[in-house]
Amino acid sequence: MQNRVKKIVEILDKNKAESIEVFDLSDKEYIVDTAIIATSLGGRHTLALLDHLRKDLKADEKISNVDESGDWVVVDLGDILIHIMTPEYRVKYDMETFLSEIGETKEAL
């Protein structure tokens, strides 16, 4: 799991995602073991980061589902959820507080 998360974080970081946070939820009663949140530079960048993930994870991961808009993309890998949000949406929805109350934050890089 750790190598998978590391690869996702590296893809996001390499493609200019900001404020990447990883939440370990494996000991909690939540729908996934790990959640990753990253901030994009804007709507088009959000979708570009999704494209990079699809391309770079293609050989290693099966993407179960993607819910996308220009401001917030959620990538479901079964046991990992990746949230990519514009700065405005990240502040508005404050997923960090919600996930912090459930699990433990780990350093992304």
PDB file of N, CA and C in Angstrom:
ATOM      1  N   MET A   1       0.825  -1.197   0.000  1.00  0.00           N
ATOM      2  CA  MET A   1       0.000   0.000   0.000  1.00  0.00           C
ATOM      3  C   MET A   1       0.865   1.255   0.000  1.00  0.00           C
ATOM      4  N   GLN A   2       1.918   1.236   0.803  1.00  0.00           N
ATOM      5  CA  GLN A   2       2.773   2.418   0.921  1.00  0.00           C
ATOM      6  C   GLN A   2       3.416   2.789  -0.424  1.00  0.00           C
ATOM      7  N   ASN A   3       3.848   1.794  -1.193  1.00  0.00           N
ATOM      8  CA  ASN A   3       4.440   2.073  -2.503  1.00  0.00           C
ATOM      9  C   ASN A   3       3.409   2.648  -3.466  1.00  0.00           C
ATOM     10  N   ARG A   4       2.183   2.165  -3.387  1.00  0.00           N
ATOM     11  CA  ARG A   4       1.113   2.678  -4.244  1.00  0.00           C
ATOM     12  C   ARG A   4       0.828   4.143  -3.924  1.00  0.00           C
ATOM     13  N   VAL A   5       0.723   4.452  -2.643  1.00  0.00           N
ATOM     14  CA  VAL A   5       0.465   5.823  -2.219  1.00  0.00           C
ATOM     15  C   VAL A   5       1.622   6.721  -2.624  1.00  0.00           C
ATOM     16  N   LYS A   6       2.839   6.237  -2.428  1.00  0.00           N
ATOM     17  CA  LYS A   6       4.022   7.018  -2.806  1.00  0.00           C
ATOM     18  C   LYS A   6       4.004   7.344  -4.296  1.00  0.00           C
ATOM     19  N   LYS A   7       3.651   6.374  -5.127  1.00  0.00           N
ATOM     20  CA  LYS A   7       3.599   6.609  -6.570  1.00  0.00           C
ATOM     21  C   LYS A   7       2.536   7.655  -6.925  1.00  0.00           C
ATOM     22  N   ILE A   8       1.376   7.578  -6.299  1.00  0.00           N
ATOM     23  CA  ILE A   8       0.312   8.557  -6.551  1.00  0.00           C
ATOM     24  C   ILE A   8       0.770   9.949  -6.159  1.00  0.00           C
ATOM     25  N   VAL A   9       1.371  10.060  -4.987  1.00  0.00           N
ATOM     26  CA  VAL A   9       1.862  11.356  -4.515  1.00  0.00           C
ATOM     27  C   VAL A   9       2.933  11.893  -5.468  1.00  0.00           C
ATOM     28  N   GLU A  10       3.824  11.036  -5.935  1.00  0.00           N
ATOM     29  CA  GLU A  10       4.866  11.470  -6.871  1.00  0.00           C
ATOM     30  C   GLU A  10       4.268  11.972  -8.182  1.00  0.00           C
ATOM     31  N   ILE A  11       3.260  11.293  -8.696  1.00  0.00           N
ATOM     32  CA  ILE A  11       2.600  11.733  -9.936  1.00  0.00           C
ATOM     33  C   ILE A  11       1.967  13.110  -9.734  1.00  0.00           C
ATOM     34  N   LEU A  12       1.257  13.270  -8.640  1.00  0.00           N
ATOM     35  CA  LEU A  12       0.622  14.560  -8.362  1.00  0.00           C
ATOM     36  C   LEU A  12       1.660  15.660  -8.188  1.00  0.00           C
ATOM     37  N   ASP A  13       2.699  15.381  -7.419  1.00  0.00           N
ATOM     38  CA  ASP A  13       3.749  16.373  -7.167  1.00  0.00           C
ATOM     39  C   ASP A  13       4.484  16.753  -8.451  1.00  0.00           C
ATOM     40  N   LYS A  14       4.814  15.759  -9.239  1.00  0.00           N
ATOM     41  CA  LYS A  14       5.542  15.998 -10.496  1.00  0.00           C
ATOM     42  C   LYS A  14       4.740  16.895 -11.445  1.00  0.00           C
ATOM     43  N   ASN A  15       3.419  16.815 -11.337  1.00  0.00           N
ATOM     44  CA  ASN A  15       2.557  17.571 -12.242  1.00  0.00           C
ATOM     45  C   ASN A  15       1.957  18.815 -11.574  1.00  0.00           C
ATOM     46  N   LYS A  16       2.660  19.310 -10.571  1.00  0.00           N
ATOM     47  CA  LYS A  16       2.391  20.607  -9.950  1.00  0.00           C
ATOM     48  C   LYS A  16       1.160  20.688  -9.049  1.00  0.00           C
ATOM     49  N   ALA A  17       0.694  19.553  -8.529  1.00  0.00           N
ATOM     50  CA  ALA A  17      -0.346  19.615  -7.507  1.00  0.00           C
ATOM     51  C   ALA A  17       0.277  20.206  -6.246  1.00  0.00           C
ATOM     52  N   GLU A  18      -0.533  20.881  -5.463  1.00  0.00           N
ATOM     53  CA  GLU A  18      -0.029  21.530  -4.258  1.00  0.00           C
ATOM     54  C   GLU A  18      -0.693  20.950  -3.013  1.00  0.00           C
ATOM     55  N   SER A  19      -0.073  21.176  -1.873  1.00  0.00           N
ATOM     56  CA  SER A  19      -0.626  20.811  -0.567  1.00  0.00           C
ATOM     57  C   SER A  19      -1.169  19.379  -0.537  1.00  0.00           C
ATOM     58  N   ILE A  20      -0.334  18.440  -0.943  1.00  0.00           N
ATOM     59  CA  ILE A  20      -0.741  17.032  -0.991  1.00  0.00           C
ATOM     60  C   ILE A  20      -0.709  16.459   0.429  1.00  0.00           C
ATOM     61  N   GLU A  21      -1.828  15.881   0.842  1.00  0.00           N
ATOM     62  CA  GLU A  21      -1.919  15.261   2.163  1.00  0.00           C
ATOM     63  C   GLU A  21      -2.427  13.834   2.027  1.00  0.00           C
ATOM     64  N   VAL A  22      -1.889  12.958   2.864  1.00  0.00           N
ATOM     65  CA  VAL A  22      -2.271  11.552   2.873  1.00  0.00           C
ATOM     66  C   VAL A  22      -2.876  11.236   4.241  1.00  0.00           C
ATOM     67  N   PHE A  23      -4.031  10.585   4.238  1.00  0.00           N
ATOM     68  CA  PHE A  23      -4.722  10.218   5.471  1.00  0.00           C
ATOM     69  C   PHE A  23      -4.804   8.702   5.563  1.00  0.00           C
ATOM     70  N   ASP A  24      -4.229   8.155   6.621  1.00  0.00           N
ATOM     71  CA  ASP A  24      -4.284   6.720   6.875  1.00  0.00           C
ATOM     72  C   ASP A  24      -5.566   6.422   7.640  1.00  0.00           C
ATOM     73  N   LEU A  25      -6.479   5.710   6.997  1.00  0.00           N
ATOM     74  CA  LEU A  25      -7.771   5.400   7.593  1.00  0.00           C
ATOM     75  C   LEU A  25      -7.939   3.897   7.789  1.00  0.00           C
ATOM     76  N   SER A  26      -6.833   3.167   7.694  1.00  0.00           N
ATOM     77  CA  SER A  26      -6.890   1.703   7.704  1.00  0.00           C
ATOM     78  C   SER A  26      -7.434   1.124   9.007  1.00  0.00           C
ATOM     79  N   ASP A  27      -7.257   1.819  10.114  1.00  0.00           N
ATOM     80  CA  ASP A  27      -7.757   1.325  11.397  1.00  0.00           C
ATOM     81  C   ASP A  27      -9.136   1.887  11.743  1.00  0.00           C
ATOM     82  N   LYS A  28      -9.715   2.621  10.816  1.00  0.00           N
ATOM     83  CA  LYS A  28     -10.985   3.291  11.081  1.00  0.00           C
ATOM     84  C   LYS A  28     -12.115   2.623  10.308  1.00  0.00           C
ATOM     85  N   GLU A  29     -13.309   2.904  10.712  1.00  0.00           N
ATOM     86  CA  GLU A  29     -14.467   2.393   9.983  1.00  0.00           C
ATOM     87  C   GLU A  29     -14.830   3.407   8.910  1.00  0.00           C
ATOM     88  N   TYR A  30     -14.126   3.324   7.801  1.00  0.00           N
ATOM     89  CA  TYR A  30     -14.351   4.236   6.679  1.00  0.00           C
ATOM     90  C   TYR A  30     -14.333   3.407   5.406  1.00  0.00           C
ATOM     91  N   ILE A  31     -14.782   3.978   4.321  1.00  0.00           N
ATOM     92  CA  ILE A  31     -14.951   3.219   3.074  1.00  0.00           C
ATOM     93  C   ILE A  31     -13.645   2.861   2.380  1.00  0.00           C
ATOM     94  N   VAL A  32     -12.555   3.531   2.734  1.00  0.00           N
ATOM     95  CA  VAL A  32     -11.247   3.235   2.141  1.00  0.00           C
ATOM     96  C   VAL A  32     -10.192   3.189   3.235  1.00  0.00           C
ATOM     97  N   ASP A  33      -9.026   2.647   2.881  1.00  0.00           N
ATOM     98  CA  ASP A  33      -7.908   2.595   3.826  1.00  0.00           C
ATOM     99  C   ASP A  33      -7.083   3.872   3.814  1.00  0.00           C
ATOM    100  N   THR A  34      -7.060   4.551   2.660  1.00  0.00           N
ATOM    101  CA  THR A  34      -6.243   5.752   2.503  1.00  0.00           C
ATOM    102  C   THR A  34      -6.993   6.778   1.678  1.00  0.00           C
ATOM    103  N   ALA A  35      -6.891   8.033   2.091  1.00  0.00           N
ATOM    104  CA  ALA A  35      -7.422   9.141   1.307  1.00  0.00           C
ATOM    105  C   ALA A  35      -6.276  10.110   1.030  1.00  0.00           C
ATOM    106  N   ILE A  36      -6.237  10.616  -0.185  1.00  0.00           N
ATOM    107  CA  ILE A  36      -5.217  11.581  -0.589  1.00  0.00           C
ATOM    108  C   ILE A  36      -5.943  12.826  -1.078  1.00  0.00           C
ATOM    109  N   ILE A  37      -5.513  13.989  -0.609  1.00  0.00           N
ATOM    110  CA  ILE A  37      -6.090  15.254  -1.061  1.00  0.00           C
ATOM    111  C   ILE A  37      -4.964  16.086  -1.663  1.00  0.00           C
ATOM    112  N   ALA A  38      -5.253  16.689  -2.808  1.00  0.00           N
ATOM    113  CA  ALA A  38      -4.288  17.572  -3.459  1.00  0.00           C
ATOM    114  C   ALA A  38      -5.021  18.780  -4.012  1.00  0.00           C
ATOM    115  N   THR A  39      -4.344  19.897  -4.059  1.00  0.00           N
ATOM    116  CA  THR A  39      -4.906  21.115  -4.614  1.00  0.00           C
ATOM    117  C   THR A  39      -4.346  21.344  -6.011  1.00  0.00           C
ATOM    118  N   SER A  40      -5.254  21.663  -6.932  1.00  0.00           N
ATOM    119  CA  SER A  40      -4.847  22.000  -8.293  1.00  0.00           C
ATOM    120  C   SER A  40      -4.672  23.520  -8.391  1.00  0.00           C
ATOM    121  N   LEU A  41      -4.192  23.960  -9.535  1.00  0.00           N
ATOM    122  CA  LEU A  41      -4.025  25.393  -9.762  1.00  0.00           C
ATOM    123  C   LEU A  41      -5.298  26.030 -10.304  1.00  0.00           C
ATOM    124  N   GLY A  42      -6.270  25.219 -10.682  1.00  0.00           N
ATOM    125  CA  GLY A  42      -7.538  25.704 -11.232  1.00  0.00           C
ATOM    126  C   GLY A  42      -8.263  24.562 -11.922  1.00  0.00           C
ATOM    127  N   GLY A  43      -9.423  24.875 -12.486  1.00  0.00           N
ATOM    128  CA  GLY A  43     -10.268  23.857 -13.099  1.00  0.00           C
ATOM    129  C   GLY A  43      -9.596  23.016 -14.169  1.00  0.00           C
ATOM    130  N   ARG A  44      -8.927  23.653 -15.098  1.00  0.00           N
ATOM    131  CA  ARG A  44      -8.257  22.894 -16.165  1.00  0.00           C
ATOM    132  C   ARG A  44      -7.128  22.041 -15.617  1.00  0.00           C
ATOM    133  N   HIS A  45      -6.427  22.539 -14.621  1.00  0.00           N
ATOM    134  CA  HIS A  45      -5.345  21.788 -14.006  1.00  0.00           C
ATOM    135  C   HIS A  45      -5.891  20.573 -13.250  1.00  0.00           C
ATOM    136  N   THR A  46      -7.067  20.714 -12.643  1.00  0.00           N
ATOM    137  CA  THR A  46      -7.706  19.588 -11.958  1.00  0.00           C
ATOM    138  C   THR A  46      -7.896  18.429 -12.927  1.00  0.00           C
ATOM    139  N   LEU A  47      -8.453  18.734 -14.092  1.00  0.00           N
ATOM    140  CA  LEU A  47      -8.700  17.687 -15.093  1.00  0.00           C
ATOM    141  C   LEU A  47      -7.398  17.169 -15.696  1.00  0.00           C
ATOM    142  N   ALA A  48      -6.395  18.029 -15.814  1.00  0.00           N
ATOM    143  CA  ALA A  48      -5.087  17.593 -16.324  1.00  0.00           C
ATOM    144  C   ALA A  48      -4.438  16.616 -15.332  1.00  0.00           C
ATOM    145  N   LEU A  49      -4.559  16.892 -14.035  1.00  0.00           N
ATOM    146  CA  LEU A  49      -4.014  15.972 -13.031  1.00  0.00           C
ATOM    147  C   LEU A  49      -4.715  14.621 -13.103  1.00  0.00           C
ATOM    148  N   LEU A  50      -6.013  14.627 -13.338  1.00  0.00           N
ATOM    149  CA  LEU A  50      -6.749  13.379 -13.519  1.00  0.00           C
ATOM    150  C   LEU A  50      -6.198  12.607 -14.721  1.00  0.00           C
ATOM    151  N   ASP A  51      -5.952  13.294 -15.811  1.00  0.00           N
ATOM    152  CA  ASP A  51      -5.383  12.638 -17.002  1.00  0.00           C
ATOM    153  C   ASP A  51      -4.022  12.033 -16.707  1.00  0.00           C
ATOM    154  N   HIS A  52      -3.190  12.746 -15.965  1.00  0.00           N
ATOM    155  CA  HIS A  52      -1.863  12.222 -15.602  1.00  0.00           C
ATOM    156  C   HIS A  52      -1.995  10.966 -14.747  1.00  0.00           C
ATOM    157  N   LEU A  53      -2.912  10.988 -13.789  1.00  0.00           N
ATOM    158  CA  LEU A  53      -3.126   9.804 -12.949  1.00  0.00           C
ATOM    159  C   LEU A  53      -3.585   8.615 -13.785  1.00  0.00           C
ATOM    160  N   ARG A  54      -4.550   8.861 -14.663  1.00  0.00           N
ATOM    161  CA  ARG A  54      -5.049   7.772 -15.522  1.00  0.00           C
ATOM    162  C   ARG A  54      -3.925   7.170 -16.351  1.00  0.00           C
ATOM    163  N   LYS A  55      -3.116   8.029 -16.941  1.00  0.00           N
ATOM    164  CA  LYS A  55      -2.032   7.559 -17.811  1.00  0.00           C
ATOM    165  C   LYS A  55      -0.939   6.850 -17.020  1.00  0.00           C
ATOM    166  N   ASP A  56      -0.504   7.461 -15.921  1.00  0.00           N
ATOM    167  CA  ASP A  56       0.642   6.935 -15.181  1.00  0.00           C
ATOM    168  C   ASP A  56       0.298   5.746 -14.279  1.00  0.00           C
ATOM    169  N   LEU A  57      -0.970   5.593 -13.920  1.00  0.00           N
ATOM    170  CA  LEU A  57      -1.376   4.468 -13.070  1.00  0.00           C
ATOM    171  C   LEU A  57      -1.942   3.312 -13.881  1.00  0.00           C
ATOM    172  N   LYS A  58      -2.107   3.518 -15.171  1.00  0.00           N
ATOM    173  CA  LYS A  58      -2.781   2.548 -16.044  1.00  0.00           C
ATOM    174  C   LYS A  58      -2.274   1.112 -15.874  1.00  0.00           C
ATOM    175  N   ALA A  59      -0.968   0.941 -15.822  1.00  0.00           N
ATOM    176  CA  ALA A  59      -0.388  -0.401 -15.749  1.00  0.00           C
ATOM    177  C   ALA A  59      -0.503  -1.022 -14.356  1.00  0.00           C
ATOM    178  N   ASP A  60      -0.576  -0.181 -13.316  1.00  0.00           N
ATOM    179  CA  ASP A  60      -0.496  -0.684 -11.945  1.00  0.00           C
ATOM    180  C   ASP A  60      -1.817  -0.701 -11.182  1.00  0.00           C
ATOM    181  N   GLU A  61      -2.740   0.149 -11.542  1.00  0.00           N
ATOM    182  CA  GLU A  61      -3.965   0.325 -10.760  1.00  0.00           C
ATOM    183  C   GLU A  61      -5.203   0.201 -11.635  1.00  0.00           C
ATOM    184  N   LYS A  62      -6.274  -0.303 -11.033  1.00  0.00           N
ATOM    185  CA  LYS A  62      -7.561  -0.313 -11.696  1.00  0.00           C
ATOM    186  C   LYS A  62      -8.404   0.791 -11.065  1.00  0.00           C
ATOM    187  N   ILE A  63      -8.754   1.768 -11.859  1.00  0.00           N
ATOM    188  CA  ILE A  63      -9.591   2.851 -11.368  1.00  0.00           C
ATOM    189  C   ILE A  63     -11.039   2.372 -11.395  1.00  0.00           C
ATOM    190  N   SER A  64     -11.642   2.254 -10.217  1.00  0.00           N
ATOM    191  CA  SER A  64     -13.009   1.754 -10.093  1.00  0.00           C
ATOM    192  C   SER A  64     -14.033   2.765 -10.583  1.00  0.00           C
ATOM    193  N   ASN A  65     -13.814   4.029 -10.231  1.00  0.00           N
ATOM    194  CA  ASN A  65     -14.772   5.067 -10.595  1.00  0.00           C
ATOM    195  C   ASN A  65     -14.095   6.424 -10.520  1.00  0.00           C
ATOM    196  N   VAL A  66     -14.607   7.363 -11.313  1.00  0.00           N
ATOM    197  CA  VAL A  66     -14.139   8.740 -11.265  1.00  0.00           C
ATOM    198  C   VAL A  66     -15.363   9.643 -11.271  1.00  0.00           C
ATOM    199  N   ASP A  67     -15.400  10.560 -10.332  1.00  0.00           N
ATOM    200  CA  ASP A  67     -16.441  11.579 -10.296  1.00  0.00           C
ATOM    201  C   ASP A  67     -15.722  12.894 -10.564  1.00  0.00           C
ATOM    202  N   GLU A  68     -16.076  13.541 -11.663  1.00  0.00           N
ATOM    203  CA  GLU A  68     -15.287  14.710 -12.031  1.00  0.00           C
ATOM    204  C   GLU A  68     -16.142  15.921 -12.359  1.00  0.00           C
ATOM    205  N   SER A  69     -15.604  17.049 -11.972  1.00  0.00           N
ATOM    206  CA  SER A  69     -16.087  18.363 -12.393  1.00  0.00           C
ATOM    207  C   SER A  69     -14.823  19.190 -12.564  1.00  0.00           C
ATOM    208  N   GLY A  70     -14.945  20.388 -12.995  1.00  0.00           N
ATOM    209  CA  GLY A  70     -13.754  21.205 -13.167  1.00  0.00           C
ATOM    210  C   GLY A  70     -13.113  21.628 -11.865  1.00  0.00           C
ATOM    211  N   ASP A  71     -13.872  21.541 -10.764  1.00  0.00           N
ATOM    212  CA  ASP A  71     -13.392  22.033  -9.483  1.00  0.00           C
ATOM    213  C   ASP A  71     -12.989  20.943  -8.491  1.00  0.00           C
ATOM    214  N   TRP A  72     -13.506  19.722  -8.704  1.00  0.00           N
ATOM    215  CA  TRP A  72     -13.243  18.644  -7.748  1.00  0.00           C
ATOM    216  C   TRP A  72     -13.339  17.322  -8.489  1.00  0.00           C
ATOM    217  N   VAL A  73     -12.287  16.541  -8.381  1.00  0.00           N
ATOM    218  CA  VAL A  73     -12.260  15.209  -8.982  1.00  0.00           C
ATOM    219  C   VAL A  73     -12.003  14.207  -7.860  1.00  0.00           C
ATOM    220  N   VAL A  74     -12.766  13.123  -7.862  1.00  0.00           N
ATOM    221  CA  VAL A  74     -12.536  12.041  -6.916  1.00  0.00           C
ATOM    222  C   VAL A  74     -12.235  10.786  -7.722  1.00  0.00           C
ATOM    223  N   VAL A  75     -11.075  10.183  -7.449  1.00  0.00           N
ATOM    224  CA  VAL A  75     -10.650   8.959  -8.121  1.00  0.00           C
ATOM    225  C   VAL A  75     -10.724   7.830  -7.100  1.00  0.00           C
ATOM    226  N   ASP A  76     -11.492   6.799  -7.430  1.00  0.00           N
ATOM    227  CA  ASP A  76     -11.692   5.666  -6.537  1.00  0.00           C
ATOM    228  C   ASP A  76     -10.877   4.477  -7.034  1.00  0.00           C
ATOM    229  N   LEU A  77      -9.909   4.067  -6.227  1.00  0.00           N
ATOM    230  CA  LEU A  77      -9.092   2.897  -6.556  1.00  0.00           C
ATOM    231  C   LEU A  77      -9.497   1.681  -5.712  1.00  0.00           C
ATOM    232  N   GLY A  78     -10.660   1.741  -5.105  1.00  0.00           N
ATOM    233  CA  GLY A  78     -11.126   0.642  -4.265  1.00  0.00           C
ATOM    234  C   GLY A  78     -10.761   0.851  -2.813  1.00  0.00           C
ATOM    235  N   ASP A  79      -9.477   0.841  -2.513  1.00  0.00           N
ATOM    236  CA  ASP A  79      -9.026   1.048  -1.141  1.00  0.00           C
ATOM    237  C   ASP A  79      -8.341   2.399  -0.929  1.00  0.00           C
ATOM    238  N   ILE A  80      -8.249   3.182  -2.010  1.00  0.00           N
ATOM    239  CA  ILE A  80      -7.665   4.527  -1.948  1.00  0.00           C
ATOM    240  C   ILE A  80      -8.613   5.488  -2.668  1.00  0.00           C
ATOM    241  N   LEU A  81      -8.899   6.625  -2.039  1.00  0.00           N
ATOM    242  CA  LEU A  81      -9.637   7.704  -2.695  1.00  0.00           C
ATOM    243  C   LEU A  81      -8.692   8.873  -2.881  1.00  0.00           C
ATOM    244  N   ILE A  82      -8.691   9.435  -4.080  1.00  0.00           N
ATOM    245  CA  ILE A  82      -7.863  10.597  -4.379  1.00  0.00           C
ATOM    246  C   ILE A  82      -8.794  11.773  -4.667  1.00  0.00           C
ATOM    247  N   HIS A  83      -8.650  12.848  -3.904  1.00  0.00           N
ATOM    248  CA  HIS A  83      -9.439  14.063  -4.111  1.00  0.00           C
ATOM    249  C   HIS A  83      -8.499  15.122  -4.685  1.00  0.00           C
ATOM    250  N   ILE A  84      -8.847  15.657  -5.841  1.00  0.00           N
ATOM    251  CA  ILE A  84      -8.097  16.763  -6.431  1.00  0.00           C
ATOM    252  C   ILE A  84      -9.071  17.934  -6.512  1.00  0.00           C
ATOM    253  N   MET A  85      -8.727  19.043  -5.863  1.00  0.00           N
ATOM    254  CA  MET A  85      -9.656  20.159  -5.739  1.00  0.00           C
ATOM    255  C   MET A  85      -8.982  21.484  -6.081  1.00  0.00           C
ATOM    256  N   THR A  86      -9.783  22.401  -6.620  1.00  0.00           N
ATOM    257  CA  THR A  86      -9.287  23.759  -6.794  1.00  0.00           C
ATOM    258  C   THR A  86      -9.113  24.371  -5.405  1.00  0.00           C
ATOM    259  N   PRO A  87      -8.303  25.420  -5.288  1.00  0.00           N
ATOM    260  CA  PRO A  87      -8.096  26.030  -3.964  1.00  0.00           C
ATOM    261  C   PRO A  87      -9.417  26.455  -3.299  1.00  0.00           C
ATOM    262  N   GLU A  88     -10.323  27.014  -4.089  1.00  0.00           N
ATOM    263  CA  GLU A  88     -11.596  27.475  -3.530  1.00  0.00           C
ATOM    264  C   GLU A  88     -12.421  26.311  -2.968  1.00  0.00           C
ATOM    265  N   TYR A  89     -12.469  25.211  -3.702  1.00  0.00           N
ATOM    266  CA  TYR A  89     -13.229  24.049  -3.245  1.00  0.00           C
ATOM    267  C   TYR A  89     -12.563  23.402  -2.035  1.00  0.00           C
ATOM    268  N   ARG A  90     -11.260  23.412  -2.005  1.00  0.00           N
ATOM    269  CA  ARG A  90     -10.567  22.808  -0.869  1.00  0.00           C
ATOM    270  C   ARG A  90     -10.883  23.556   0.414  1.00  0.00           C
ATOM    271  N   VAL A  91     -10.925  24.876   0.332  1.00  0.00           N
ATOM    272  CA  VAL A  91     -11.282  25.684   1.500  1.00  0.00           C
ATOM    273  C   VAL A  91     -12.760  25.496   1.840  1.00  0.00           C
ATOM    274  N   LYS A  92     -13.603  25.537   0.824  1.00  0.00           N
ATOM    275  CA  LYS A  92     -15.057  25.452   1.032  1.00  0.00           C
ATOM    276  C   LYS A  92     -15.476  24.138   1.697  1.00  0.00           C
ATOM    277  N   TYR A  93     -14.933  23.020   1.230  1.00  0.00           N
ATOM    278  CA  TYR A  93     -15.376  21.718   1.725  1.00  0.00           C
ATOM    279  C   TYR A  93     -14.515  21.156   2.851  1.00  0.00           C
ATOM    280  N   ASP A  94     -13.341  21.687   3.056  1.00  0.00           N
ATOM    281  CA  ASP A  94     -12.486  21.366   4.203  1.00  0.00           C
ATOM    282  C   ASP A  94     -12.437  19.866   4.528  1.00  0.00           C
ATOM    283  N   MET A  95     -12.087  19.078   3.535  1.00  0.00           N
ATOM    284  CA  MET A  95     -11.999  17.629   3.710  1.00  0.00           C
ATOM    285  C   MET A  95     -10.948  17.235   4.747  1.00  0.00           C
ATOM    286  N   GLU A  96      -9.929  18.068   4.933  1.00  0.00           N
ATOM    287  CA  GLU A  96      -8.879  17.759   5.905  1.00  0.00           C
ATOM    288  C   GLU A  96      -9.447  17.609   7.314  1.00  0.00           C
ATOM    289  N   THR A  97     -10.340  18.509   7.691  1.00  0.00           N
ATOM    290  CA  THR A  97     -10.926  18.434   9.028  1.00  0.00           C
ATOM    291  C   THR A  97     -11.732  17.154   9.174  1.00  0.00           C
ATOM    292  N   PHE A  98     -12.546  16.857   8.186  1.00  0.00           N
ATOM    293  CA  PHE A  98     -13.357  15.637   8.214  1.00  0.00           C
ATOM    294  C   PHE A  98     -12.472  14.401   8.315  1.00  0.00           C
ATOM    295  N   LEU A  99     -11.474  14.296   7.444  1.00  0.00           N
ATOM    296  CA  LEU A  99     -10.613  13.114   7.436  1.00  0.00           C
ATOM    297  C   LEU A  99      -9.703  13.055   8.662  1.00  0.00           C
ATOM    298  N   SER A 100      -9.290  14.203   9.180  1.00  0.00           N
ATOM    299  CA  SER A 100      -8.458  14.224  10.387  1.00  0.00           C
ATOM    300  C   SER A 100      -9.212  13.695  11.595  1.00  0.00           C
ATOM    301  N   GLU A 101     -10.506  13.956  11.629  1.00  0.00           N
ATOM    302  CA  GLU A 101     -11.317  13.459  12.733  1.00  0.00           C
ATOM    303  C   GLU A 101     -11.470  11.940  12.658  1.00  0.00           C
ATOM    304  N   ILE A 102     -11.355  11.396  11.450  1.00  0.00           N
ATOM    305  CA  ILE A 102     -11.478   9.947  11.266  1.00  0.00           C
ATOM    306  C   ILE A 102     -10.140   9.244  11.443  1.00  0.00           C
ATOM    307  N   GLY A 103      -9.093   9.783  10.835  1.00  0.00           N
ATOM    308  CA  GLY A 103      -7.813   9.088  10.803  1.00  0.00           C
ATOM    309  C   GLY A 103      -6.640   9.963  11.131  1.00  0.00           C
ATOM    310  N   GLU A 104      -5.474   9.476  10.785  1.00  0.00           N
ATOM    311  CA  GLU A 104      -4.208  10.113  11.102  1.00  0.00           C
ATOM    312  C   GLU A 104      -3.573  10.630   9.823  1.00  0.00           C
ATOM    313  N   THR A 105      -3.117  11.882   9.832  1.00  0.00           N
ATOM    314  CA  THR A 105      -2.459  12.470   8.683  1.00  0.00           C
ATOM    315  C   THR A 105      -1.018  12.004   8.626  1.00  0.00           C
ATOM    316  N   LYS A 106      -0.550  11.684   7.418  1.00  0.00           N
ATOM    317  CA  LYS A 106       0.853  11.326   7.233  1.00  0.00           C
ATOM    318  C   LYS A 106       1.477  12.320   6.270  1.00  0.00           C
ATOM    319  N   GLU A 107       2.772  12.489   6.400  1.00  0.00           N
ATOM    320  CA  GLU A 107       3.489  13.346   5.475  1.00  0.00           C
ATOM    321  C   GLU A 107       3.393  12.789   4.072  1.00  0.00           C
ATOM    322  N   ALA A 108       3.158  13.654   3.090  1.00  0.00           N
ATOM    323  CA  ALA A 108       3.009  13.193   1.709  1.00  0.00           C
ATOM    324  C   ALA A 108       4.342  12.862   1.078  1.00  0.00           C
ATOM    325  N   LEU A 109       5.354  13.669   1.317  1.00  0.00           N
ATOM    326  CA  LEU A 109       6.658  13.431   0.684  1.00  0.00           C
ATOM    327  C   LEU A 109       7.754  13.385   1.705  1.00  0.00           C
TER     328      LEU A 109
END
